[in-house]
Amino acid sequence: MVEVYVSTDIEADGPIPGPHSMLSLGSVAFKADGSVIASFAANLELLPGACGHPETMKWWRQQPDAWAACREAPRPAAQVMAEYAAWLDALPGKPVLVGYPAAYDFMFVYWYLIHFVGRSPFSFSALDIKTMAMTMLKKDFYAATKNHLPKEWFGSVHHNHVALQDALEQGVLFCNMLAVCRN
């Protein structure tokens, strides 16, 4: 089966789902050749009883434009996640969540999918771009940060903490890295 690489970025108001909420979800589906298949983006309402973590909210106060973007027209999480699962199911192949860092984004996406939809089209795993960079560059994990990656791996989209744009940026990065691996 063909794999579809779903570069995904989330914005949240804390370090873990449940006590804290996913604020925004952005995904861009790529073919292995780097072409974009489709995208999905939504802002989510806060979970009942959840609240922002003090350190995370301190960080958000320094990002007013990104905060405004992720709070624009939020919708119920159950509705968003049902639409997201249907979007993933309609992709022309098996979806693979790709993230930077995958552990954080996947944790929220997986929790929300299981909680609101009862299943995850991604199964139990995700592909981490930083780990891939570590192995490609033969560097330690903490040395494989974006500022140490070759400039030619990046496209023209820059990270701004708006989920869909960050997902696009990460997807371009991943596909360029994948092309290097396959050549």
N, C-alpha and C. Protein backbone atom coordinates (compact mmCIF):
# COMPACT_ATOMS: atom_id res chain seq x y z
N MET A 1 0.84 -1.18 0.00
CA MET A 1 0.00 0.00 0.00
C MET A 1 0.89 1.25 0.00
N VAL A 2 0.47 2.24 -0.71
CA VAL A 2 1.18 3.51 -0.77
C VAL A 2 1.03 4.26 0.55
N GLU A 3 2.14 4.81 1.02
CA GLU A 3 2.09 5.64 2.22
C GLU A 3 1.85 7.08 1.84
N VAL A 4 1.05 7.77 2.65
CA VAL A 4 0.83 9.21 2.52
C VAL A 4 1.39 9.83 3.79
N TYR A 5 2.30 10.77 3.60
CA TYR A 5 2.97 11.39 4.73
C TYR A 5 2.18 12.62 5.16
N VAL A 6 1.61 12.54 6.35
CA VAL A 6 0.72 13.59 6.87
C VAL A 6 1.50 14.42 7.88
N SER A 7 2.11 15.48 7.38
CA SER A 7 2.85 16.38 8.25
C SER A 7 1.83 17.10 9.13
N THR A 8 2.02 17.00 10.44
CA THR A 8 1.02 17.49 11.38
C THR A 8 1.65 18.35 12.45
N ASP A 9 0.98 19.45 12.74
CA ASP A 9 1.40 20.34 13.81
C ASP A 9 0.16 20.71 14.62
N ILE A 10 0.35 20.75 15.92
CA ILE A 10 -0.75 21.19 16.79
C ILE A 10 -0.25 22.34 17.65
N GLU A 11 -1.17 23.11 18.11
CA GLU A 11 -0.90 24.13 19.12
C GLU A 11 -1.77 23.77 20.31
N ALA A 12 -1.23 23.92 21.51
CA ALA A 12 -1.94 23.52 22.72
C ALA A 12 -1.69 24.54 23.82
N ASP A 13 -2.49 24.44 24.88
CA ASP A 13 -2.33 25.36 26.01
C ASP A 13 -1.66 24.70 27.21
N GLY A 14 -1.00 23.56 26.96
CA GLY A 14 -0.30 22.87 28.03
C GLY A 14 0.48 21.69 27.50
N PRO A 15 1.19 20.99 28.37
CA PRO A 15 2.09 19.93 27.92
C PRO A 15 1.45 18.58 27.62
N ILE A 16 0.24 18.32 28.12
CA ILE A 16 -0.40 17.03 27.88
C ILE A 16 -1.89 17.21 27.62
N PRO A 17 -2.48 16.31 26.82
CA PRO A 17 -3.93 16.39 26.57
C PRO A 17 -4.73 15.90 27.77
N GLY A 18 -5.91 16.42 27.89
CA GLY A 18 -6.81 16.06 29.00
C GLY A 18 -6.90 17.21 29.97
N PRO A 19 -5.87 17.42 30.79
CA PRO A 19 -5.88 18.59 31.66
C PRO A 19 -5.72 19.89 30.85
N HIS A 20 -5.17 19.75 29.63
CA HIS A 20 -4.94 20.89 28.75
C HIS A 20 -5.56 20.58 27.40
N SER A 21 -5.76 21.61 26.61
CA SER A 21 -6.50 21.47 25.36
C SER A 21 -5.62 21.67 24.13
N MET A 22 -5.95 20.92 23.08
CA MET A 22 -5.39 21.21 21.75
C MET A 22 -6.17 22.41 21.23
N LEU A 23 -5.47 23.43 20.86
CA LEU A 23 -6.10 24.67 20.39
C LEU A 23 -6.30 24.67 18.89
N SER A 24 -5.35 24.08 18.17
CA SER A 24 -5.36 24.14 16.72
C SER A 24 -4.69 22.89 16.17
N LEU A 25 -5.18 22.42 15.04
CA LEU A 25 -4.66 21.23 14.36
C LEU A 25 -4.47 21.57 12.90
N GLY A 26 -3.28 21.31 12.38
CA GLY A 26 -3.02 21.50 10.96
C GLY A 26 -2.28 20.30 10.41
N SER A 27 -2.72 19.79 9.27
CA SER A 27 -2.07 18.67 8.61
C SER A 27 -2.00 18.92 7.12
N VAL A 28 -0.89 18.54 6.52
CA VAL A 28 -0.73 18.60 5.07
C VAL A 28 -0.28 17.21 4.63
N ALA A 29 -1.02 16.61 3.71
CA ALA A 29 -0.71 15.28 3.21
C ALA A 29 0.18 15.40 1.98
N PHE A 30 1.29 14.66 2.01
CA PHE A 30 2.28 14.69 0.93
C PHE A 30 2.47 13.30 0.34
N LYS A 31 2.74 13.27 -0.96
CA LYS A 31 3.28 12.07 -1.58
C LYS A 31 4.77 12.04 -1.29
N ALA A 32 5.40 10.90 -1.47
CA ALA A 32 6.84 10.77 -1.22
C ALA A 32 7.66 11.72 -2.09
N ASP A 33 7.15 12.08 -3.25
CA ASP A 33 7.89 12.99 -4.14
C ASP A 33 7.79 14.46 -3.73
N GLY A 34 7.08 14.73 -2.64
CA GLY A 34 6.96 16.09 -2.13
C GLY A 34 5.74 16.85 -2.62
N SER A 35 4.94 16.24 -3.46
CA SER A 35 3.74 16.94 -3.92
C SER A 35 2.65 16.87 -2.85
N VAL A 36 1.92 17.97 -2.74
CA VAL A 36 0.85 18.08 -1.75
C VAL A 36 -0.42 17.45 -2.30
N ILE A 37 -1.04 16.61 -1.49
CA ILE A 37 -2.31 15.97 -1.86
C ILE A 37 -3.48 16.79 -1.35
N ALA A 38 -3.44 17.15 -0.08
CA ALA A 38 -4.57 17.86 0.55
C ALA A 38 -4.11 18.43 1.89
N SER A 39 -4.93 19.29 2.45
CA SER A 39 -4.62 19.83 3.78
C SER A 39 -5.89 19.89 4.63
N PHE A 40 -5.67 19.96 5.93
CA PHE A 40 -6.76 20.03 6.90
C PHE A 40 -6.32 20.98 8.00
N ALA A 41 -7.23 21.87 8.40
CA ALA A 41 -6.92 22.78 9.50
C ALA A 41 -8.19 23.11 10.26
N ALA A 42 -8.07 23.22 11.57
CA ALA A 42 -9.20 23.61 12.41
C ALA A 42 -8.70 24.11 13.75
N ASN A 43 -9.44 25.02 14.30
CA ASN A 43 -9.25 25.46 15.67
C ASN A 43 -10.31 24.77 16.52
N LEU A 44 -9.91 24.37 17.72
CA LEU A 44 -10.80 23.59 18.58
C LEU A 44 -11.19 24.37 19.82
N GLU A 45 -12.42 24.12 20.26
CA GLU A 45 -12.86 24.66 21.54
C GLU A 45 -12.08 23.97 22.66
N LEU A 46 -11.99 24.64 23.79
CA LEU A 46 -11.29 24.08 24.93
C LEU A 46 -12.06 22.88 25.49
N LEU A 47 -11.32 21.93 26.04
CA LEU A 47 -11.96 20.79 26.68
C LEU A 47 -12.68 21.24 27.95
N PRO A 48 -13.83 20.67 28.25
CA PRO A 48 -14.51 21.01 29.51
C PRO A 48 -13.62 20.69 30.71
N GLY A 49 -13.48 21.63 31.60
CA GLY A 49 -12.68 21.42 32.81
C GLY A 49 -11.19 21.57 32.63
N ALA A 50 -10.72 21.73 31.40
CA ALA A 50 -9.28 21.90 31.16
C ALA A 50 -8.91 23.36 31.35
N CYS A 51 -7.63 23.59 31.58
CA CYS A 51 -7.16 24.98 31.71
C CYS A 51 -5.73 25.06 31.18
N GLY A 52 -5.34 26.26 30.81
CA GLY A 52 -4.00 26.48 30.30
C GLY A 52 -2.95 26.31 31.40
N HIS A 53 -1.85 25.70 31.04
CA HIS A 53 -0.72 25.54 31.95
C HIS A 53 -0.02 26.90 32.10
N PRO A 54 0.34 27.30 33.31
CA PRO A 54 0.93 28.63 33.51
C PRO A 54 2.15 28.91 32.62
N GLU A 55 3.06 27.96 32.49
CA GLU A 55 4.25 28.20 31.67
C GLU A 55 3.89 28.32 30.19
N THR A 56 2.97 27.49 29.73
CA THR A 56 2.55 27.55 28.33
C THR A 56 1.84 28.86 28.06
N MET A 57 0.99 29.29 28.97
CA MET A 57 0.26 30.54 28.76
C MET A 57 1.21 31.74 28.80
N LYS A 58 2.26 31.65 29.60
CA LYS A 58 3.29 32.70 29.60
C LYS A 58 3.93 32.80 28.22
N TRP A 59 4.23 31.63 27.63
CA TRP A 59 4.80 31.59 26.28
C TRP A 59 3.82 32.18 25.26
N TRP A 60 2.53 31.81 25.36
CA TRP A 60 1.53 32.33 24.42
C TRP A 60 1.43 33.85 24.49
N ARG A 61 1.60 34.42 25.65
CA ARG A 61 1.53 35.89 25.75
C ARG A 61 2.62 36.57 24.93
N GLN A 62 3.67 35.85 24.62
CA GLN A 62 4.75 36.38 23.78
C GLN A 62 4.50 36.14 22.29
N GLN A 63 3.39 35.46 21.97
CA GLN A 63 3.04 35.10 20.58
C GLN A 63 1.63 35.58 20.26
N PRO A 64 1.35 36.88 20.34
CA PRO A 64 -0.03 37.34 20.20
C PRO A 64 -0.66 37.04 18.83
N ASP A 65 0.10 37.10 17.76
CA ASP A 65 -0.48 36.81 16.44
C ASP A 65 -0.84 35.34 16.31
N ALA A 66 0.04 34.47 16.76
CA ALA A 66 -0.24 33.03 16.71
C ALA A 66 -1.41 32.68 17.63
N TRP A 67 -1.46 33.31 18.80
CA TRP A 67 -2.58 33.08 19.72
C TRP A 67 -3.90 33.49 19.07
N ALA A 68 -3.92 34.65 18.45
CA ALA A 68 -5.14 35.12 17.78
C ALA A 68 -5.55 34.14 16.68
N ALA A 69 -4.58 33.64 15.93
CA ALA A 69 -4.89 32.71 14.84
C ALA A 69 -5.50 31.41 15.36
N CYS A 70 -5.00 30.89 16.47
CA CYS A 70 -5.50 29.59 16.96
C CYS A 70 -6.80 29.73 17.75
N ARG A 71 -7.23 30.93 18.05
CA ARG A 71 -8.49 31.14 18.77
C ARG A 71 -9.59 31.66 17.86
N GLU A 72 -9.31 31.81 16.59
CA GLU A 72 -10.31 32.28 15.63
C GLU A 72 -11.29 31.15 15.27
N ALA A 73 -12.55 31.37 15.51
CA ALA A 73 -13.63 30.44 15.14
C ALA A 73 -13.39 28.99 15.59
N PRO A 74 -13.13 28.76 16.88
CA PRO A 74 -12.94 27.38 17.33
C PRO A 74 -14.25 26.59 17.25
N ARG A 75 -14.10 25.28 16.97
CA ARG A 75 -15.27 24.41 16.84
C ARG A 75 -15.17 23.28 17.86
N PRO A 76 -16.27 22.60 18.15
CA PRO A 76 -16.25 21.50 19.11
C PRO A 76 -15.24 20.42 18.71
N ALA A 77 -14.46 19.96 19.67
CA ALA A 77 -13.42 18.98 19.40
C ALA A 77 -13.99 17.69 18.79
N ALA A 78 -15.13 17.23 19.25
CA ALA A 78 -15.72 16.00 18.71
C ALA A 78 -16.01 16.15 17.22
N GLN A 79 -16.53 17.29 16.82
CA GLN A 79 -16.83 17.55 15.41
C GLN A 79 -15.54 17.61 14.59
N VAL A 80 -14.56 18.34 15.07
CA VAL A 80 -13.29 18.48 14.35
C VAL A 80 -12.61 17.13 14.18
N MET A 81 -12.56 16.34 15.24
CA MET A 81 -11.85 15.07 15.15
C MET A 81 -12.57 14.06 14.27
N ALA A 82 -13.89 14.08 14.25
CA ALA A 82 -14.64 13.21 13.33
C ALA A 82 -14.35 13.60 11.88
N GLU A 83 -14.32 14.90 11.61
CA GLU A 83 -13.99 15.37 10.26
C GLU A 83 -12.54 15.02 9.90
N TYR A 84 -11.65 15.13 10.86
CA TYR A 84 -10.25 14.82 10.62
C TYR A 84 -10.07 13.34 10.30
N ALA A 85 -10.70 12.47 11.07
CA ALA A 85 -10.61 11.03 10.81
C ALA A 85 -11.16 10.70 9.43
N ALA A 86 -12.26 11.32 9.05
CA ALA A 86 -12.83 11.09 7.72
C ALA A 86 -11.88 11.59 6.63
N TRP A 87 -11.25 12.75 6.87
CA TRP A 87 -10.27 13.29 5.92
C TRP A 87 -9.10 12.32 5.76
N LEU A 88 -8.59 11.80 6.88
CA LEU A 88 -7.49 10.83 6.82
C LEU A 88 -7.90 9.57 6.07
N ASP A 89 -9.10 9.08 6.35
CA ASP A 89 -9.59 7.86 5.70
C ASP A 89 -9.72 8.03 4.19
N ALA A 90 -9.98 9.25 3.73
CA ALA A 90 -10.18 9.51 2.30
C ALA A 90 -8.87 9.71 1.54
N LEU A 91 -7.75 9.78 2.24
CA LEU A 91 -6.47 9.96 1.55
C LEU A 91 -6.16 8.73 0.70
N PRO A 92 -5.42 8.91 -0.40
CA PRO A 92 -5.15 7.80 -1.32
C PRO A 92 -3.99 6.90 -0.87
N GLY A 93 -4.03 6.45 0.35
CA GLY A 93 -2.98 5.57 0.87
C GLY A 93 -3.04 5.53 2.38
N LYS A 94 -2.12 4.81 2.96
CA LYS A 94 -2.05 4.65 4.42
C LYS A 94 -1.40 5.90 5.02
N PRO A 95 -2.11 6.61 5.91
CA PRO A 95 -1.53 7.83 6.48
C PRO A 95 -0.45 7.53 7.51
N VAL A 96 0.66 8.28 7.41
CA VAL A 96 1.76 8.21 8.37
C VAL A 96 1.90 9.62 8.95
N LEU A 97 1.69 9.78 10.25
CA LEU A 97 1.86 11.08 10.86
C LEU A 97 3.35 11.40 10.91
N VAL A 98 3.70 12.60 10.44
CA VAL A 98 5.07 13.08 10.45
C VAL A 98 5.08 14.36 11.28
N GLY A 99 6.00 14.46 12.24
CA GLY A 99 6.04 15.64 13.09
C GLY A 99 7.43 16.01 13.55
N TYR A 100 7.52 17.23 14.06
CA TYR A 100 8.78 17.74 14.63
C TYR A 100 8.42 18.61 15.82
N PRO A 101 8.44 18.10 17.02
CA PRO A 101 8.70 16.72 17.42
C PRO A 101 7.43 15.88 17.33
N ALA A 102 7.56 14.70 16.81
CA ALA A 102 6.40 13.84 16.62
C ALA A 102 5.77 13.44 17.94
N ALA A 103 6.57 13.24 18.97
CA ALA A 103 6.03 12.77 20.25
C ALA A 103 4.97 13.73 20.79
N TYR A 104 5.22 15.00 20.72
CA TYR A 104 4.28 16.00 21.26
C TYR A 104 3.01 16.07 20.42
N ASP A 105 3.17 16.29 19.11
CA ASP A 105 2.00 16.43 18.24
C ASP A 105 1.18 15.15 18.20
N PHE A 106 1.85 13.99 18.07
CA PHE A 106 1.14 12.72 18.01
C PHE A 106 0.38 12.46 19.30
N MET A 107 0.98 12.78 20.43
CA MET A 107 0.33 12.55 21.72
C MET A 107 -1.05 13.22 21.75
N PHE A 108 -1.13 14.48 21.33
CA PHE A 108 -2.40 15.19 21.32
C PHE A 108 -3.34 14.62 20.27
N VAL A 109 -2.85 14.41 19.05
CA VAL A 109 -3.71 13.92 17.97
C VAL A 109 -4.26 12.54 18.32
N TYR A 110 -3.40 11.65 18.80
CA TYR A 110 -3.85 10.30 19.15
C TYR A 110 -4.87 10.34 20.28
N TRP A 111 -4.60 11.10 21.34
CA TRP A 111 -5.53 11.19 22.47
C TRP A 111 -6.89 11.73 22.00
N TYR A 112 -6.87 12.78 21.21
CA TYR A 112 -8.13 13.36 20.73
C TYR A 112 -8.87 12.39 19.81
N LEU A 113 -8.15 11.70 18.92
CA LEU A 113 -8.83 10.74 18.05
C LEU A 113 -9.46 9.61 18.86
N ILE A 114 -8.72 9.03 19.79
CA ILE A 114 -9.27 7.94 20.60
C ILE A 114 -10.42 8.43 21.45
N HIS A 115 -10.25 9.59 22.07
CA HIS A 115 -11.28 10.12 22.96
C HIS A 115 -12.57 10.48 22.22
N PHE A 116 -12.45 11.10 21.06
CA PHE A 116 -13.64 11.61 20.37
C PHE A 116 -14.13 10.73 19.22
N VAL A 117 -13.26 9.92 18.63
CA VAL A 117 -13.64 9.10 17.48
C VAL A 117 -13.61 7.61 17.81
N GLY A 118 -12.77 7.23 18.78
CA GLY A 118 -12.68 5.84 19.18
C GLY A 118 -11.64 5.04 18.42
N ARG A 119 -10.89 5.70 17.54
CA ARG A 119 -9.86 4.99 16.77
C ARG A 119 -8.89 6.02 16.19
N SER A 120 -7.74 5.51 15.74
CA SER A 120 -6.76 6.37 15.09
C SER A 120 -6.37 5.79 13.75
N PRO A 121 -6.62 6.52 12.64
CA PRO A 121 -6.17 6.06 11.33
C PRO A 121 -4.64 5.93 11.24
N PHE A 122 -3.91 6.54 12.17
CA PHE A 122 -2.45 6.44 12.20
C PHE A 122 -1.97 5.19 12.93
N SER A 123 -2.86 4.44 13.53
CA SER A 123 -2.51 3.34 14.41
C SER A 123 -1.79 3.91 15.63
N PHE A 124 -0.68 3.29 16.04
CA PHE A 124 -0.01 3.66 17.28
C PHE A 124 1.31 4.39 17.08
N SER A 125 1.61 4.83 15.87
CA SER A 125 2.96 5.34 15.65
C SER A 125 3.01 6.60 14.80
N ALA A 126 4.18 7.24 14.87
CA ALA A 126 4.43 8.46 14.09
C ALA A 126 5.90 8.49 13.71
N LEU A 127 6.21 9.25 12.69
CA LEU A 127 7.58 9.40 12.21
C LEU A 127 8.11 10.74 12.69
N ASP A 128 9.25 10.72 13.38
CA ASP A 128 9.83 11.93 13.95
C ASP A 128 10.95 12.47 13.05
N ILE A 129 10.78 13.70 12.58
CA ILE A 129 11.75 14.32 11.68
C ILE A 129 13.10 14.52 12.37
N LYS A 130 13.09 14.88 13.63
CA LYS A 130 14.35 15.11 14.35
C LYS A 130 15.15 13.81 14.46
N THR A 131 14.51 12.71 14.73
CA THR A 131 15.20 11.42 14.79
C THR A 131 15.76 11.06 13.42
N MET A 132 14.99 11.33 12.38
CA MET A 132 15.46 11.08 11.02
C MET A 132 16.71 11.93 10.73
N ALA A 133 16.68 13.20 11.13
CA ALA A 133 17.84 14.08 10.93
C ALA A 133 19.05 13.56 11.70
N MET A 134 18.84 13.10 12.90
CA MET A 134 19.92 12.56 13.72
C MET A 134 20.64 11.42 12.99
N THR A 135 19.87 10.51 12.43
CA THR A 135 20.47 9.36 11.76
C THR A 135 21.11 9.76 10.44
N MET A 136 20.48 10.67 9.71
CA MET A 136 21.05 11.10 8.43
C MET A 136 22.36 11.87 8.61
N LEU A 137 22.42 12.71 9.63
CA LEU A 137 23.59 13.56 9.85
C LEU A 137 24.63 12.92 10.76
N LYS A 138 24.27 11.76 11.33
CA LYS A 138 25.16 11.06 12.27
C LYS A 138 25.55 11.98 13.43
N LYS A 139 24.54 12.64 13.99
CA LYS A 139 24.73 13.55 15.12
C LYS A 139 23.97 13.01 16.32
N ASP A 140 24.30 13.52 17.49
CA ASP A 140 23.51 13.21 18.67
C ASP A 140 22.12 13.82 18.51
N PHE A 141 21.16 13.28 19.22
CA PHE A 141 19.77 13.74 19.12
C PHE A 141 19.64 15.23 19.38
N TYR A 142 20.25 15.72 20.46
CA TYR A 142 20.09 17.14 20.80
C TYR A 142 20.90 18.06 19.90
N ALA A 143 21.75 17.51 19.06
CA ALA A 143 22.48 18.32 18.07
C ALA A 143 21.75 18.35 16.73
N ALA A 144 20.68 17.59 16.61
CA ALA A 144 19.93 17.52 15.34
C ALA A 144 18.76 18.49 15.36
N THR A 145 19.04 19.73 15.71
CA THR A 145 18.00 20.76 15.73
C THR A 145 17.92 21.44 14.36
N LYS A 146 16.83 22.15 14.13
CA LYS A 146 16.62 22.77 12.82
C LYS A 146 17.74 23.71 12.41
N ASN A 147 18.33 24.42 13.38
CA ASN A 147 19.40 25.35 13.00
C ASN A 147 20.71 24.63 12.64
N HIS A 148 20.76 23.31 12.83
CA HIS A 148 21.94 22.53 12.42
C HIS A 148 21.68 21.71 11.15
N LEU A 149 20.50 21.81 10.59
CA LEU A 149 20.18 21.05 9.39
C LEU A 149 20.61 21.83 8.15
N PRO A 150 20.95 21.13 7.06
CA PRO A 150 21.33 21.83 5.83
C PRO A 150 20.21 22.74 5.33
N LYS A 151 20.58 23.94 4.96
CA LYS A 151 19.60 24.95 4.52
C LYS A 151 18.79 24.47 3.31
N GLU A 152 19.41 23.65 2.45
CA GLU A 152 18.71 23.21 1.25
C GLU A 152 17.57 22.24 1.55
N TRP A 153 17.48 21.74 2.77
CA TRP A 153 16.38 20.88 3.15
C TRP A 153 15.09 21.68 3.40
N PHE A 154 15.22 22.96 3.62
CA PHE A 154 14.07 23.79 3.96
C PHE A 154 13.50 24.44 2.70
N GLY A 155 12.21 24.70 2.73
CA GLY A 155 11.57 25.43 1.65
C GLY A 155 11.46 26.90 2.02
N SER A 156 10.51 27.57 1.42
CA SER A 156 10.35 29.01 1.65
C SER A 156 9.32 29.33 2.74
N VAL A 157 8.62 28.32 3.26
CA VAL A 157 7.64 28.55 4.32
C VAL A 157 8.37 28.53 5.66
N HIS A 158 8.07 29.48 6.52
CA HIS A 158 8.77 29.58 7.79
C HIS A 158 7.84 29.32 8.97
N HIS A 159 8.41 28.80 10.02
CA HIS A 159 7.70 28.44 11.25
C HIS A 159 7.15 29.70 11.93
N ASN A 160 5.84 29.71 12.21
CA ASN A 160 5.25 30.89 12.88
C ASN A 160 4.24 30.50 13.96
N HIS A 161 4.17 29.24 14.32
CA HIS A 161 3.26 28.74 15.35
C HIS A 161 1.79 28.84 14.96
N VAL A 162 1.52 28.86 13.66
CA VAL A 162 0.18 28.66 13.13
C VAL A 162 0.20 27.25 12.56
N ALA A 163 -0.66 26.38 13.08
CA ALA A 163 -0.56 24.94 12.86
C ALA A 163 -0.45 24.55 11.38
N LEU A 164 -1.30 25.06 10.52
CA LEU A 164 -1.27 24.63 9.12
C LEU A 164 0.03 25.06 8.44
N GLN A 165 0.46 26.27 8.68
CA GLN A 165 1.71 26.74 8.07
C GLN A 165 2.90 25.95 8.59
N ASP A 166 2.92 25.66 9.88
CA ASP A 166 4.02 24.88 10.44
C ASP A 166 4.01 23.44 9.90
N ALA A 167 2.82 22.88 9.69
CA ALA A 167 2.72 21.54 9.10
C ALA A 167 3.27 21.54 7.68
N LEU A 168 2.99 22.59 6.92
CA LEU A 168 3.53 22.71 5.56
C LEU A 168 5.05 22.80 5.60
N GLU A 169 5.56 23.65 6.47
CA GLU A 169 7.01 23.81 6.60
C GLU A 169 7.68 22.48 6.94
N GLN A 170 7.14 21.77 7.91
CA GLN A 170 7.70 20.49 8.33
C GLN A 170 7.59 19.44 7.23
N GLY A 171 6.49 19.45 6.48
CA GLY A 171 6.32 18.48 5.41
C GLY A 171 7.32 18.67 4.29
N VAL A 172 7.58 19.92 3.93
CA VAL A 172 8.59 20.20 2.91
C VAL A 172 9.95 19.73 3.40
N LEU A 173 10.27 20.03 4.65
CA LEU A 173 11.53 19.58 5.24
C LEU A 173 11.63 18.06 5.16
N PHE A 174 10.60 17.36 5.61
CA PHE A 174 10.60 15.90 5.59
C PHE A 174 10.78 15.35 4.17
N CYS A 175 10.03 15.86 3.22
CA CYS A 175 10.11 15.34 1.85
C CYS A 175 11.48 15.59 1.23
N ASN A 176 12.09 16.74 1.54
CA ASN A 176 13.45 17.00 1.05
C ASN A 176 14.44 16.04 1.69
N MET A 177 14.27 15.74 2.96
CA MET A 177 15.13 14.76 3.63
C MET A 177 14.92 13.37 3.04
N LEU A 178 13.67 13.01 2.79
CA LEU A 178 13.37 11.71 2.21
C LEU A 178 14.01 11.56 0.82
N ALA A 179 14.00 12.63 0.04
CA ALA A 179 14.62 12.60 -1.29
C ALA A 179 16.13 12.34 -1.18
N VAL A 180 16.78 12.95 -0.20
CA VAL A 180 18.21 12.72 0.03
C VAL A 180 18.44 11.25 0.38
N CYS A 181 17.61 10.69 1.24
CA CYS A 181 17.75 9.29 1.66
C CYS A 181 17.57 8.33 0.48
N ARG A 182 16.70 8.67 -0.42
CA ARG A 182 16.36 7.76 -1.52
C ARG A 182 17.27 7.90 -2.73
N ASN A 183 18.11 8.92 -2.73
CA ASN A 183 19.05 9.10 -3.86
C ASN A 183 20.38 8.46 -3.60
